[in-house]
Amino acid sequence: MSGRDRVEAEVLRVLRAATPAARSIASDDRLLEDLGLAPADVTRLAWDIEQALGADIPRDDLASVFTVGALIDLVDQHYDPLTAEPKHGWHM
């Protein structure tokens, strides 16, 4: 699995856990309007993604992310599978 594929799978896994089970998720879905997430939810989800992948997502960059695809792109920019160290443990 490529780094990009791993990022996409992890982002979708985290989003599915935070949205109704019957809801399908598409890359052009808007995080707030379509998936019904609050801004604080997006921050918490980014933290969960960071923990799972070992990537550091700048919060300033996260503020300009509005769609699932943009979130995948942002995480992919900051994820290096060669140096990433997933962090497992306490979650908010």
PDB file of N, CA and C in Angstrom:
ATOM      1  N   MET A   1       0.854  -1.176   0.000  1.00  0.00           N
ATOM      2  CA  MET A   1       0.000   0.000   0.000  1.00  0.00           C
ATOM      3  C   MET A   1       0.898   1.238   0.000  1.00  0.00           C
ATOM      4  N   SER A   2       0.642   2.145  -0.918  1.00  0.00           N
ATOM      5  CA  SER A   2       1.440   3.367  -0.997  1.00  0.00           C
ATOM      6  C   SER A   2       1.122   4.285   0.175  1.00  0.00           C
ATOM      7  N   GLY A   3       1.981   5.266   0.390  1.00  0.00           N
ATOM      8  CA  GLY A   3       1.746   6.236   1.453  1.00  0.00           C
ATOM      9  C   GLY A   3       0.431   6.975   1.263  1.00  0.00           C
ATOM     10  N   ARG A   4       0.153   7.367   0.043  1.00  0.00           N
ATOM     11  CA  ARG A   4      -1.091   8.081  -0.261  1.00  0.00           C
ATOM     12  C   ARG A   4      -2.307   7.189   0.016  1.00  0.00           C
ATOM     13  N   ASP A   5      -2.221   5.921  -0.362  1.00  0.00           N
ATOM     14  CA  ASP A   5      -3.321   4.996  -0.101  1.00  0.00           C
ATOM     15  C   ASP A   5      -3.543   4.820   1.392  1.00  0.00           C
ATOM     16  N   ARG A   6      -2.451   4.733   2.152  1.00  0.00           N
ATOM     17  CA  ARG A   6      -2.563   4.599   3.606  1.00  0.00           C
ATOM     18  C   ARG A   6      -3.213   5.834   4.220  1.00  0.00           C
ATOM     19  N   VAL A   7      -2.813   7.012   3.751  1.00  0.00           N
ATOM     20  CA  VAL A   7      -3.407   8.262   4.241  1.00  0.00           C
ATOM     21  C   VAL A   7      -4.902   8.277   3.956  1.00  0.00           C
ATOM     22  N   GLU A   8      -5.267   7.973   2.721  1.00  0.00           N
ATOM     23  CA  GLU A   8      -6.685   7.994   2.346  1.00  0.00           C
ATOM     24  C   GLU A   8      -7.486   6.995   3.179  1.00  0.00           C
ATOM     25  N   ALA A   9      -6.963   5.805   3.361  1.00  0.00           N
ATOM     26  CA  ALA A   9      -7.662   4.782   4.145  1.00  0.00           C
ATOM     27  C   ALA A   9      -7.840   5.230   5.594  1.00  0.00           C
ATOM     28  N   GLU A  10      -6.817   5.839   6.166  1.00  0.00           N
ATOM     29  CA  GLU A  10      -6.901   6.269   7.567  1.00  0.00           C
ATOM     30  C   GLU A  10      -7.854   7.448   7.743  1.00  0.00           C
ATOM     31  N   VAL A  11      -7.795   8.408   6.834  1.00  0.00           N
ATOM     32  CA  VAL A  11      -8.711   9.556   6.904  1.00  0.00           C
ATOM     33  C   VAL A  11     -10.150   9.065   6.787  1.00  0.00           C
ATOM     34  N   LEU A  12     -10.417   8.181   5.842  1.00  0.00           N
ATOM     35  CA  LEU A  12     -11.783   7.665   5.668  1.00  0.00           C
ATOM     36  C   LEU A  12     -12.223   6.839   6.875  1.00  0.00           C
ATOM     37  N   ARG A  13     -11.317   6.068   7.457  1.00  0.00           N
ATOM     38  CA  ARG A  13     -11.656   5.284   8.653  1.00  0.00           C
ATOM     39  C   ARG A  13     -12.070   6.202   9.804  1.00  0.00           C
ATOM     40  N   VAL A  14     -11.308   7.256  10.013  1.00  0.00           N
ATOM     41  CA  VAL A  14     -11.608   8.192  11.098  1.00  0.00           C
ATOM     42  C   VAL A  14     -12.918   8.932  10.823  1.00  0.00           C
ATOM     43  N   LEU A  15     -13.131   9.345   9.584  1.00  0.00           N
ATOM     44  CA  LEU A  15     -14.370  10.047   9.244  1.00  0.00           C
ATOM     45  C   LEU A  15     -15.586   9.134   9.378  1.00  0.00           C
ATOM     46  N   ARG A  16     -15.458   7.883   8.955  1.00  0.00           N
ATOM     47  CA  ARG A  16     -16.586   6.951   9.079  1.00  0.00           C
ATOM     48  C   ARG A  16     -16.973   6.738  10.539  1.00  0.00           C
ATOM     49  N   ALA A  17     -15.989   6.719  11.410  1.00  0.00           N
ATOM     50  CA  ALA A  17     -16.260   6.540  12.838  1.00  0.00           C
ATOM     51  C   ALA A  17     -16.976   7.756  13.429  1.00  0.00           C
ATOM     52  N   ALA A  18     -16.839   8.905  12.782  1.00  0.00           N
ATOM     53  CA  ALA A  18     -17.415  10.139  13.316  1.00  0.00           C
ATOM     54  C   ALA A  18     -18.738  10.529  12.652  1.00  0.00           C
ATOM     55  N   THR A  19     -19.157   9.786  11.634  1.00  0.00           N
ATOM     56  CA  THR A  19     -20.388  10.113  10.920  1.00  0.00           C
ATOM     57  C   THR A  19     -21.356   8.934  10.990  1.00  0.00           C
ATOM     58  N   PRO A  20     -22.629   9.167  10.692  1.00  0.00           N
ATOM     59  CA  PRO A  20     -23.603   8.067  10.727  1.00  0.00           C
ATOM     60  C   PRO A  20     -23.175   6.896   9.846  1.00  0.00           C
ATOM     61  N   ALA A  21     -23.416   5.690  10.323  1.00  0.00           N
ATOM     62  CA  ALA A  21     -22.956   4.467   9.657  1.00  0.00           C
ATOM     63  C   ALA A  21     -23.470   4.341   8.214  1.00  0.00           C
ATOM     64  N   ALA A  22     -24.669   4.791   7.940  1.00  0.00           N
ATOM     65  CA  ALA A  22     -25.250   4.623   6.611  1.00  0.00           C
ATOM     66  C   ALA A  22     -24.719   5.654   5.614  1.00  0.00           C
ATOM     67  N   ARG A  23     -23.978   6.623   6.073  1.00  0.00           N
ATOM     68  CA  ARG A  23     -23.500   7.716   5.224  1.00  0.00           C
ATOM     69  C   ARG A  23     -22.259   7.295   4.447  1.00  0.00           C
ATOM     70  N   SER A  24     -22.319   7.405   3.129  1.00  0.00           N
ATOM     71  CA  SER A  24     -21.110   7.172   2.341  1.00  0.00           C
ATOM     72  C   SER A  24     -20.315   8.481   2.319  1.00  0.00           C
ATOM     73  N   ILE A  25     -19.020   8.365   2.144  1.00  0.00           N
ATOM     74  CA  ILE A  25     -18.160   9.545   2.183  1.00  0.00           C
ATOM     75  C   ILE A  25     -17.431   9.650   0.850  1.00  0.00           C
ATOM     76  N   ALA A  26     -17.545  10.829   0.229  1.00  0.00           N
ATOM     77  CA  ALA A  26     -16.891  11.097  -1.052  1.00  0.00           C
ATOM     78  C   ALA A  26     -15.857  12.196  -0.870  1.00  0.00           C
ATOM     79  N   SER A  27     -14.883  12.243  -1.751  1.00  0.00           N
ATOM     80  CA  SER A  27     -13.802  13.213  -1.606  1.00  0.00           C
ATOM     81  C   SER A  27     -14.279  14.659  -1.724  1.00  0.00           C
ATOM     82  N   ASP A  28     -15.390  14.887  -2.405  1.00  0.00           N
ATOM     83  CA  ASP A  28     -15.879  16.262  -2.523  1.00  0.00           C
ATOM     84  C   ASP A  28     -16.874  16.641  -1.426  1.00  0.00           C
ATOM     85  N   ASP A  29     -17.125  15.733  -0.478  1.00  0.00           N
ATOM     86  CA  ASP A  29     -17.994  16.068   0.658  1.00  0.00           C
ATOM     87  C   ASP A  29     -17.342  17.151   1.504  1.00  0.00           C
ATOM     88  N   ARG A  30     -18.157  18.118   1.909  1.00  0.00           N
ATOM     89  CA  ARG A  30     -17.677  19.176   2.790  1.00  0.00           C
ATOM     90  C   ARG A  30     -17.759  18.675   4.228  1.00  0.00           C
ATOM     91  N   LEU A  31     -16.704  18.916   4.986  1.00  0.00           N
ATOM     92  CA  LEU A  31     -16.611  18.396   6.347  1.00  0.00           C
ATOM     93  C   LEU A  31     -17.720  18.924   7.238  1.00  0.00           C
ATOM     94  N   LEU A  32     -17.991  20.222   7.173  1.00  0.00           N
ATOM     95  CA  LEU A  32     -18.994  20.813   8.057  1.00  0.00           C
ATOM     96  C   LEU A  32     -20.408  20.654   7.506  1.00  0.00           C
ATOM     97  N   GLU A  33     -20.602  21.067   6.270  1.00  0.00           N
ATOM     98  CA  GLU A  33     -21.944  21.106   5.710  1.00  0.00           C
ATOM     99  C   GLU A  33     -22.501  19.726   5.361  1.00  0.00           C
ATOM    100  N   ASP A  34     -21.702  18.882   4.713  1.00  0.00           N
ATOM    101  CA  ASP A  34     -22.197  17.589   4.254  1.00  0.00           C
ATOM    102  C   ASP A  34     -22.087  16.499   5.318  1.00  0.00           C
ATOM    103  N   LEU A  35     -20.981  16.488   6.057  1.00  0.00           N
ATOM    104  CA  LEU A  35     -20.788  15.445   7.058  1.00  0.00           C
ATOM    105  C   LEU A  35     -21.292  15.856   8.438  1.00  0.00           C
ATOM    106  N   GLY A  36     -21.646  17.138   8.589  1.00  0.00           N
ATOM    107  CA  GLY A  36     -22.215  17.607   9.848  1.00  0.00           C
ATOM    108  C   GLY A  36     -21.224  17.719  10.988  1.00  0.00           C
ATOM    109  N   LEU A  37     -19.948  17.858  10.670  1.00  0.00           N
ATOM    110  CA  LEU A  37     -18.941  17.990  11.712  1.00  0.00           C
ATOM    111  C   LEU A  37     -18.843  19.438  12.181  1.00  0.00           C
ATOM    112  N   ALA A  38     -18.524  19.625  13.431  1.00  0.00           N
ATOM    113  CA  ALA A  38     -18.244  20.948  13.973  1.00  0.00           C
ATOM    114  C   ALA A  38     -16.743  21.204  13.824  1.00  0.00           C
ATOM    115  N   PRO A  39     -16.317  22.470  13.825  1.00  0.00           N
ATOM    116  CA  PRO A  39     -14.881  22.749  13.723  1.00  0.00           C
ATOM    117  C   PRO A  39     -14.052  22.005  14.777  1.00  0.00           C
ATOM    118  N   ALA A  40     -14.559  21.903  15.981  1.00  0.00           N
ATOM    119  CA  ALA A  40     -13.831  21.172  17.029  1.00  0.00           C
ATOM    120  C   ALA A  40     -13.714  19.688  16.682  1.00  0.00           C
ATOM    121  N   ASP A  41     -14.729  19.139  16.012  1.00  0.00           N
ATOM    122  CA  ASP A  41     -14.667  17.737  15.572  1.00  0.00           C
ATOM    123  C   ASP A  41     -13.528  17.530  14.577  1.00  0.00           C
ATOM    124  N   VAL A  42     -13.371  18.476  13.664  1.00  0.00           N
ATOM    125  CA  VAL A  42     -12.322  18.367  12.646  1.00  0.00           C
ATOM    126  C   VAL A  42     -10.949  18.384  13.308  1.00  0.00           C
ATOM    127  N   THR A  43     -10.776  19.243  14.295  1.00  0.00           N
ATOM    128  CA  THR A  43      -9.508  19.299  15.025  1.00  0.00           C
ATOM    129  C   THR A  43      -9.239  17.984  15.738  1.00  0.00           C
ATOM    130  N   ARG A  44     -10.255  17.438  16.384  1.00  0.00           N
ATOM    131  CA  ARG A  44     -10.097  16.156  17.088  1.00  0.00           C
ATOM    132  C   ARG A  44      -9.791  15.023  16.106  1.00  0.00           C
ATOM    133  N   LEU A  45     -10.472  15.030  14.954  1.00  0.00           N
ATOM    134  CA  LEU A  45     -10.215  14.004  13.945  1.00  0.00           C
ATOM    135  C   LEU A  45      -8.793  14.108  13.404  1.00  0.00           C
ATOM    136  N   ALA A  46      -8.314  15.338  13.217  1.00  0.00           N
ATOM    137  CA  ALA A  46      -6.934  15.523  12.761  1.00  0.00           C
ATOM    138  C   ALA A  46      -5.969  14.944  13.783  1.00  0.00           C
ATOM    139  N   TRP A  47      -6.254  15.126  15.057  1.00  0.00           N
ATOM    140  CA  TRP A  47      -5.408  14.568  16.113  1.00  0.00           C
ATOM    141  C   TRP A  47      -5.419  13.044  16.040  1.00  0.00           C
ATOM    142  N   ASP A  48      -6.590  12.465  15.840  1.00  0.00           N
ATOM    143  CA  ASP A  48      -6.687  11.002  15.715  1.00  0.00           C
ATOM    144  C   ASP A  48      -5.888  10.490  14.512  1.00  0.00           C
ATOM    145  N   ILE A  49      -5.952  11.217  13.404  1.00  0.00           N
ATOM    146  CA  ILE A  49      -5.202  10.839  12.205  1.00  0.00           C
ATOM    147  C   ILE A  49      -3.704  10.944  12.474  1.00  0.00           C
ATOM    148  N   GLU A  50      -3.295  12.016  13.134  1.00  0.00           N
ATOM    149  CA  GLU A  50      -1.883  12.174  13.495  1.00  0.00           C
ATOM    150  C   GLU A  50      -1.399  11.001  14.344  1.00  0.00           C
ATOM    151  N   GLN A  51      -2.200  10.616  15.311  1.00  0.00           N
ATOM    152  CA  GLN A  51      -1.818   9.516  16.193  1.00  0.00           C
ATOM    153  C   GLN A  51      -1.684   8.204  15.421  1.00  0.00           C
ATOM    154  N   ALA A  52      -2.606   7.963  14.509  1.00  0.00           N
ATOM    155  CA  ALA A  52      -2.602   6.707  13.758  1.00  0.00           C
ATOM    156  C   ALA A  52      -1.460   6.626  12.748  1.00  0.00           C
ATOM    157  N   LEU A  53      -1.138   7.759  12.128  1.00  0.00           N
ATOM    158  CA  LEU A  53      -0.138   7.755  11.064  1.00  0.00           C
ATOM    159  C   LEU A  53       1.236   8.241  11.509  1.00  0.00           C
ATOM    160  N   GLY A  54       1.296   8.971  12.614  1.00  0.00           N
ATOM    161  CA  GLY A  54       2.568   9.556  13.025  1.00  0.00           C
ATOM    162  C   GLY A  54       2.921  10.791  12.217  1.00  0.00           C
ATOM    163  N   ALA A  55       1.923  11.448  11.669  1.00  0.00           N
ATOM    164  CA  ALA A  55       2.128  12.671  10.888  1.00  0.00           C
ATOM    165  C   ALA A  55       1.794  13.876  11.760  1.00  0.00           C
ATOM    166  N   ASP A  56       2.432  15.002  11.476  1.00  0.00           N
ATOM    167  CA  ASP A  56       2.107  16.242  12.169  1.00  0.00           C
ATOM    168  C   ASP A  56       1.377  17.155  11.197  1.00  0.00           C
ATOM    169  N   ILE A  57       0.128  17.476  11.526  1.00  0.00           N
ATOM    170  CA  ILE A  57      -0.702  18.311  10.659  1.00  0.00           C
ATOM    171  C   ILE A  57      -0.758  19.707  11.258  1.00  0.00           C
ATOM    172  N   PRO A  58      -0.199  20.715  10.582  1.00  0.00           N
ATOM    173  CA  PRO A  58      -0.229  22.076  11.112  1.00  0.00           C
ATOM    174  C   PRO A  58      -1.662  22.589  11.265  1.00  0.00           C
ATOM    175  N   ARG A  59      -1.993  23.050  12.453  1.00  0.00           N
ATOM    176  CA  ARG A  59      -3.356  23.536  12.708  1.00  0.00           C
ATOM    177  C   ARG A  59      -3.702  24.744  11.842  1.00  0.00           C
ATOM    178  N   ASP A  60      -2.721  25.581  11.527  1.00  0.00           N
ATOM    179  CA  ASP A  60      -2.992  26.728  10.652  1.00  0.00           C
ATOM    180  C   ASP A  60      -3.438  26.257   9.267  1.00  0.00           C
ATOM    181  N   ASP A  61      -2.829  25.190   8.767  1.00  0.00           N
ATOM    182  CA  ASP A  61      -3.223  24.641   7.466  1.00  0.00           C
ATOM    183  C   ASP A  61      -4.589  23.964   7.542  1.00  0.00           C
ATOM    184  N   LEU A  62      -4.869  23.347   8.666  1.00  0.00           N
ATOM    185  CA  LEU A  62      -6.146  22.651   8.840  1.00  0.00           C
ATOM    186  C   LEU A  62      -7.329  23.619   8.746  1.00  0.00           C
ATOM    187  N   ALA A  63      -7.117  24.852   9.140  1.00  0.00           N
ATOM    188  CA  ALA A  63      -8.192  25.853   9.112  1.00  0.00           C
ATOM    189  C   ALA A  63      -8.685  26.140   7.696  1.00  0.00           C
ATOM    190  N   SER A  64      -7.876  25.842   6.679  1.00  0.00           N
ATOM    191  CA  SER A  64      -8.287  26.120   5.302  1.00  0.00           C
ATOM    192  C   SER A  64      -8.772  24.867   4.570  1.00  0.00           C
ATOM    193  N   VAL A  65      -8.999  23.786   5.309  1.00  0.00           N
ATOM    194  CA  VAL A  65      -9.474  22.537   4.718  1.00  0.00           C
ATOM    195  C   VAL A  65     -10.987  22.455   4.870  1.00  0.00           C
ATOM    196  N   PHE A  66     -11.691  22.277   3.741  1.00  0.00           N
ATOM    197  CA  PHE A  66     -13.150  22.263   3.784  1.00  0.00           C
ATOM    198  C   PHE A  66     -13.768  20.963   3.294  1.00  0.00           C
ATOM    199  N   THR A  67     -12.997  20.157   2.533  1.00  0.00           N
ATOM    200  CA  THR A  67     -13.543  18.923   1.975  1.00  0.00           C
ATOM    201  C   THR A  67     -12.716  17.715   2.409  1.00  0.00           C
ATOM    202  N   VAL A  68     -13.299  16.547   2.230  1.00  0.00           N
ATOM    203  CA  VAL A  68     -12.600  15.294   2.536  1.00  0.00           C
ATOM    204  C   VAL A  68     -11.334  15.197   1.688  1.00  0.00           C
ATOM    205  N   GLY A  69     -11.436  15.499   0.403  1.00  0.00           N
ATOM    206  CA  GLY A  69     -10.277  15.429  -0.487  1.00  0.00           C
ATOM    207  C   GLY A  69      -9.163  16.369  -0.061  1.00  0.00           C
ATOM    208  N   ALA A  70      -9.531  17.570   0.370  1.00  0.00           N
ATOM    209  CA  ALA A  70      -8.522  18.533   0.831  1.00  0.00           C
ATOM    210  C   ALA A  70      -7.858  18.045   2.113  1.00  0.00           C
ATOM    211  N   LEU A  71      -8.614  17.378   2.979  1.00  0.00           N
ATOM    212  CA  LEU A  71      -8.035  16.819   4.196  1.00  0.00           C
ATOM    213  C   LEU A  71      -7.048  15.705   3.850  1.00  0.00           C
ATOM    214  N   ILE A  72      -7.425  14.845   2.918  1.00  0.00           N
ATOM    215  CA  ILE A  72      -6.516  13.777   2.480  1.00  0.00           C
ATOM    216  C   ILE A  72      -5.239  14.391   1.895  1.00  0.00           C
ATOM    217  N   ASP A  73      -5.382  15.412   1.067  1.00  0.00           N
ATOM    218  CA  ASP A  73      -4.219  16.077   0.472  1.00  0.00           C
ATOM    219  C   ASP A  73      -3.314  16.672   1.547  1.00  0.00           C
ATOM    220  N   LEU A  74      -3.905  17.339   2.525  1.00  0.00           N
ATOM    221  CA  LEU A  74      -3.119  17.962   3.592  1.00  0.00           C
ATOM    222  C   LEU A  74      -2.354  16.920   4.391  1.00  0.00           C
ATOM    223  N   VAL A  75      -3.037  15.863   4.781  1.00  0.00           N
ATOM    224  CA  VAL A  75      -2.368  14.809   5.552  1.00  0.00           C
ATOM    225  C   VAL A  75      -1.261  14.185   4.708  1.00  0.00           C
ATOM    226  N   ASP A  76      -1.526  13.942   3.439  1.00  0.00           N
ATOM    227  CA  ASP A  76      -0.532  13.341   2.552  1.00  0.00           C
ATOM    228  C   ASP A  76       0.722  14.214   2.445  1.00  0.00           C
ATOM    229  N   GLN A  77       0.555  15.522   2.456  1.00  0.00           N
ATOM    230  CA  GLN A  77       1.695  16.445   2.382  1.00  0.00           C
ATOM    231  C   GLN A  77       2.600  16.322   3.602  1.00  0.00           C
ATOM    232  N   HIS A  78       2.039  15.935   4.727  1.00  0.00           N
ATOM    233  CA  HIS A  78       2.788  15.905   5.984  1.00  0.00           C
ATOM    234  C   HIS A  78       3.055  14.487   6.490  1.00  0.00           C
ATOM    235  N   TYR A  79       2.814  13.501   5.649  1.00  0.00           N
ATOM    236  CA  TYR A  79       3.038  12.110   6.039  1.00  0.00           C
ATOM    237  C   TYR A  79       4.177  11.532   5.221  1.00  0.00           C
ATOM    238  N   ASP A  80       5.189  11.047   5.911  1.00  0.00           N
ATOM    239  CA  ASP A  80       6.303  10.368   5.266  1.00  0.00           C
ATOM    240  C   ASP A  80       6.365   8.958   5.842  1.00  0.00           C
ATOM    241  N   PRO A  81       5.971   7.950   5.058  1.00  0.00           N
ATOM    242  CA  PRO A  81       5.919   6.590   5.599  1.00  0.00           C
ATOM    243  C   PRO A  81       7.281   6.065   6.059  1.00  0.00           C
ATOM    244  N   LEU A  82       8.357   6.669   5.588  1.00  0.00           N
ATOM    245  CA  LEU A  82       9.695   6.213   5.970  1.00  0.00           C
ATOM    246  C   LEU A  82      10.100   6.705   7.360  1.00  0.00           C
ATOM    247  N   THR A  83       9.552   7.847   7.778  1.00  0.00           N
ATOM    248  CA  THR A  83       9.944   8.409   9.072  1.00  0.00           C
ATOM    249  C   THR A  83       8.805   8.478  10.077  1.00  0.00           C
ATOM    250  N   ALA A  84       7.594   8.173   9.641  1.00  0.00           N
ATOM    251  CA  ALA A  84       6.423   8.286  10.526  1.00  0.00           C
ATOM    252  C   ALA A  84       6.502   7.271  11.657  1.00  0.00           C
ATOM    253  N   GLU A  85       6.122   7.728  12.827  1.00  0.00           N
ATOM    254  CA  GLU A  85       6.047   6.855  13.993  1.00  0.00           C
ATOM    255  C   GLU A  85       4.658   6.992  14.596  1.00  0.00           C
ATOM    256  N   PRO A  86       3.764   6.051  14.258  1.00  0.00           N
ATOM    257  CA  PRO A  86       2.410   6.124  14.829  1.00  0.00           C
ATOM    258  C   PRO A  86       2.481   6.128  16.357  1.00  0.00           C
ATOM    259  N   LYS A  87       1.593   6.902  16.945  1.00  0.00           N
ATOM    260  CA  LYS A  87       1.520   7.024  18.389  1.00  0.00           C
ATOM    261  C   LYS A  87       0.234   6.364  18.852  1.00  0.00           C
ATOM    262  N   HIS A  88       0.320   5.409  19.688  1.00  0.00           N
ATOM    263  CA  HIS A  88      -0.872   4.725  20.183  1.00  0.00           C
ATOM    264  C   HIS A  88      -0.997   5.015  21.657  1.00  0.00           C
ATOM    265  N   GLY A  89      -2.192   5.205  22.106  1.00  0.00           N
ATOM    266  CA  GLY A  89      -2.400   5.484  23.519  1.00  0.00           C
ATOM    267  C   GLY A  89      -3.646   6.278  23.730  1.00  0.00           C
ATOM    268  N   TRP A  90      -3.554   7.204  24.618  1.00  0.00           N
ATOM    269  CA  TRP A  90      -4.704   7.993  25.029  1.00  0.00           C
ATOM    270  C   TRP A  90      -5.228   8.856  23.899  1.00  0.00           C
ATOM    271  N   HIS A  91      -6.541   8.822  23.690  1.00  0.00           N
ATOM    272  CA  HIS A  91      -7.209   9.660  22.673  1.00  0.00           C
ATOM    273  C   HIS A  91      -8.204  10.550  23.365  1.00  0.00           C
ATOM    274  N   MET A  92      -8.393  11.738  22.804  1.00  0.00           N
ATOM    275  CA  MET A  92      -9.362  12.689  23.345  1.00  0.00           C
ATOM    276  C   MET A  92     -10.758  12.213  23.058  1.00  0.00           C
TER     277      MET A  92
END
